[in-house]
Amino acid sequence: MSHVEEFLTAEEEKEIINAIVEAEKNTSGEIRVHIEAKAKIDHFSRAQQIFHFLKMDNTKEGNGVLIYVAVDDHKFVIYGDSGIDRAVPKGFWDTTKDVMQSHFKKGHFKQGIVEGILVAGKELEAHFPWDHNDTNELNNAISKG
């Protein structure tokens, strides 16, 4: 089994998907998680590639967020779309990053991702609140590379 397949159990993946559903209840923002073994280019650029590949740049408000994890590289990136960049202050993702990093350092990867998703959802809610016309534009499943 690859490191990507060993990274999370099926039950942990369900918990992450449930966290995405929970986080998206109060925001029109869209959150996805992508996990792969390693990046052949710098991690930020790879997160941008995956973001585009997953068509996350096609949301109505430009408010998609990708949590990208390179398991073997021990790196992660939180990448937000252009609509988010225009609406939020510099350093907006620092709280989310810090929460995730503190869990990751302890080897609590599922918990780090879950907490990161929930914090990101709260942060997005202030700038992209949910309204009654909101639809889930992106699949909540974890993608793997």
Protein backbone atom coordinates (compact mmCIF):
# COMPACT_ATOMS: atom_id res chain seq x y z
CA MET A 1 0.00 0.00 0.00
CA SER A 2 1.28 3.51 -0.80
CA HIS A 3 1.92 6.16 1.81
CA VAL A 4 -1.07 8.06 0.47
CA GLU A 5 -3.38 5.10 1.08
CA GLU A 6 -1.88 4.54 4.54
CA PHE A 7 -2.09 8.22 5.50
CA LEU A 8 -5.77 8.07 6.49
CA THR A 9 -8.14 5.24 7.28
CA ALA A 10 -11.52 5.02 5.54
CA GLU A 11 -13.13 6.16 8.81
CA GLU A 12 -10.79 9.16 9.04
CA GLU A 13 -11.62 10.10 5.45
CA LYS A 14 -15.33 10.05 6.35
CA GLU A 15 -14.62 12.36 9.29
CA ILE A 16 -12.81 14.78 6.98
CA ILE A 17 -15.67 14.77 4.49
CA ASN A 18 -18.12 15.37 7.35
CA ALA A 19 -15.97 18.33 8.46
CA ILE A 20 -16.18 19.77 4.92
CA VAL A 21 -19.98 19.43 4.97
CA GLU A 22 -20.08 21.06 8.42
CA ALA A 23 -17.74 23.91 7.43
CA GLU A 24 -19.70 24.65 4.26
CA LYS A 25 -23.04 24.93 6.12
CA ASN A 26 -22.40 28.57 6.98
CA THR A 27 -20.42 29.78 3.98
CA SER A 28 -20.73 29.83 0.22
CA GLY A 29 -17.02 28.95 0.19
CA GLU A 30 -16.02 25.56 -1.18
CA ILE A 31 -13.36 23.42 0.52
CA ARG A 32 -11.53 20.40 -0.89
CA VAL A 33 -8.67 18.22 0.29
CA HIS A 34 -6.06 16.65 -1.98
CA ILE A 35 -3.44 14.17 -0.76
CA GLU A 36 -0.48 12.83 -2.70
CA ALA A 37 2.89 11.29 -1.91
CA LYS A 38 5.20 14.06 -3.10
CA ALA A 39 5.43 17.03 -5.40
CA LYS A 40 7.87 17.16 -8.28
CA ILE A 41 7.72 20.98 -8.20
CA ASP A 42 7.41 23.45 -5.34
CA HIS A 43 4.38 22.74 -3.18
CA PHE A 44 2.60 26.03 -3.76
CA SER A 45 2.83 25.60 -7.55
CA ARG A 46 1.63 22.01 -7.24
CA ALA A 47 -1.34 23.13 -5.13
CA GLN A 48 -2.18 25.65 -7.89
CA GLN A 49 -2.05 22.86 -10.50
CA ILE A 50 -4.32 20.60 -8.47
CA PHE A 51 -6.70 23.50 -7.80
CA HIS A 52 -7.09 24.03 -11.54
CA PHE A 53 -7.21 20.28 -12.32
CA LEU A 54 -10.09 19.86 -9.82
CA LYS A 55 -11.86 22.81 -11.51
CA MET A 56 -11.91 24.67 -8.22
CA ASP A 57 -11.34 27.92 -10.09
CA ASN A 58 -14.83 27.62 -11.61
CA THR A 59 -16.83 28.62 -8.53
CA LYS A 60 -19.28 31.48 -8.95
CA GLU A 61 -17.63 33.70 -6.31
CA GLY A 62 -14.05 32.52 -6.77
CA ASN A 63 -14.13 31.23 -3.21
CA GLY A 64 -12.73 27.71 -3.43
CA VAL A 65 -10.10 26.55 -0.93
CA LEU A 66 -7.77 23.61 -1.41
CA ILE A 67 -5.93 21.94 1.43
CA TYR A 68 -3.06 20.18 -0.32
CA VAL A 69 -0.96 17.60 1.56
CA ALA A 70 2.24 16.00 0.23
CA VAL A 71 2.64 13.05 2.63
CA ASP A 72 6.24 11.99 1.96
CA ASP A 73 7.44 15.60 1.73
CA HIS A 74 5.83 16.50 5.08
CA LYS A 75 4.39 19.66 3.49
CA PHE A 76 0.95 21.18 3.11
CA VAL A 77 -0.49 24.25 1.41
CA ILE A 78 -3.76 26.09 1.92
CA TYR A 79 -4.62 27.63 -1.44
CA GLY A 80 -7.53 30.03 -1.89
CA ASP A 81 -9.04 31.29 -5.14
CA SER A 82 -8.84 34.87 -6.42
CA GLY A 83 -12.20 35.90 -4.93
CA ILE A 84 -10.87 35.07 -1.48
CA ASP A 85 -7.59 36.88 -2.09
CA ARG A 86 -9.51 40.03 -3.05
CA ALA A 87 -11.75 39.89 0.04
CA VAL A 88 -9.41 38.97 2.88
CA PRO A 89 -6.40 40.56 4.57
CA LYS A 90 -2.83 39.36 4.10
CA GLY A 91 -2.07 36.46 6.43
CA PHE A 92 -5.71 35.32 6.35
CA TRP A 93 -4.75 31.63 6.32
CA ASP A 94 -2.20 31.86 9.16
CA THR A 95 -4.66 30.75 11.86
CA THR A 96 -5.74 27.75 9.79
CA LYS A 97 -2.12 26.89 8.98
CA ASP A 98 -1.06 27.15 12.64
CA VAL A 99 -3.89 24.89 13.83
CA MET A 100 -3.06 22.26 11.22
CA GLN A 101 0.66 22.45 11.85
CA SER A 102 0.30 21.95 15.60
CA HIS A 103 -1.65 18.72 15.04
CA PHE A 104 0.65 17.52 12.25
CA LYS A 105 3.73 17.94 14.45
CA LYS A 106 2.14 15.48 16.90
CA GLY A 107 1.33 13.02 14.10
CA HIS A 108 -2.41 13.74 14.34
CA PHE A 109 -2.96 14.17 10.61
CA LYS A 110 -6.69 13.53 10.42
CA GLN A 111 -7.34 15.87 13.34
CA GLY A 112 -5.14 18.54 11.79
CA ILE A 113 -7.06 18.40 8.52
CA VAL A 114 -10.45 18.35 10.28
CA GLU A 115 -9.56 21.31 12.50
CA GLY A 116 -8.08 23.16 9.52
CA ILE A 117 -11.28 22.68 7.54
CA LEU A 118 -13.46 23.88 10.41
CA VAL A 119 -11.28 26.95 11.06
CA ALA A 120 -11.21 27.74 7.32
CA GLY A 121 -15.00 27.45 7.21
CA LYS A 122 -15.35 29.91 10.10
CA GLU A 123 -12.90 32.31 8.48
CA LEU A 124 -14.74 32.10 5.14
CA GLU A 125 -18.12 32.65 6.79
CA ALA A 126 -17.25 36.26 7.63
CA HIS A 127 -16.45 37.11 4.00
CA PHE A 128 -18.62 34.62 2.11
CA PRO A 129 -21.72 33.92 4.20
CA TRP A 130 -24.12 31.20 3.13
CA ASP A 131 -27.40 32.32 1.60
CA HIS A 132 -30.55 30.43 0.65
CA ASN A 133 -29.55 30.32 -3.04
CA ASP A 134 -26.20 28.66 -2.28
CA THR A 135 -25.51 25.27 -3.85
CA ASN A 136 -22.60 22.93 -3.27
CA GLU A 137 -20.52 23.64 -6.38
CA LEU A 138 -17.70 21.17 -5.71
CA ASN A 139 -17.48 17.54 -4.72
CA ASN A 140 -16.57 17.09 -1.03
CA ALA A 141 -14.61 13.85 -1.61
CA ILE A 142 -10.90 13.73 -0.87
CA SER A 143 -8.88 13.53 -4.07
CA LYS A 144 -5.62 11.64 -4.26
CA GLY A 145 -2.69 11.76 -6.59
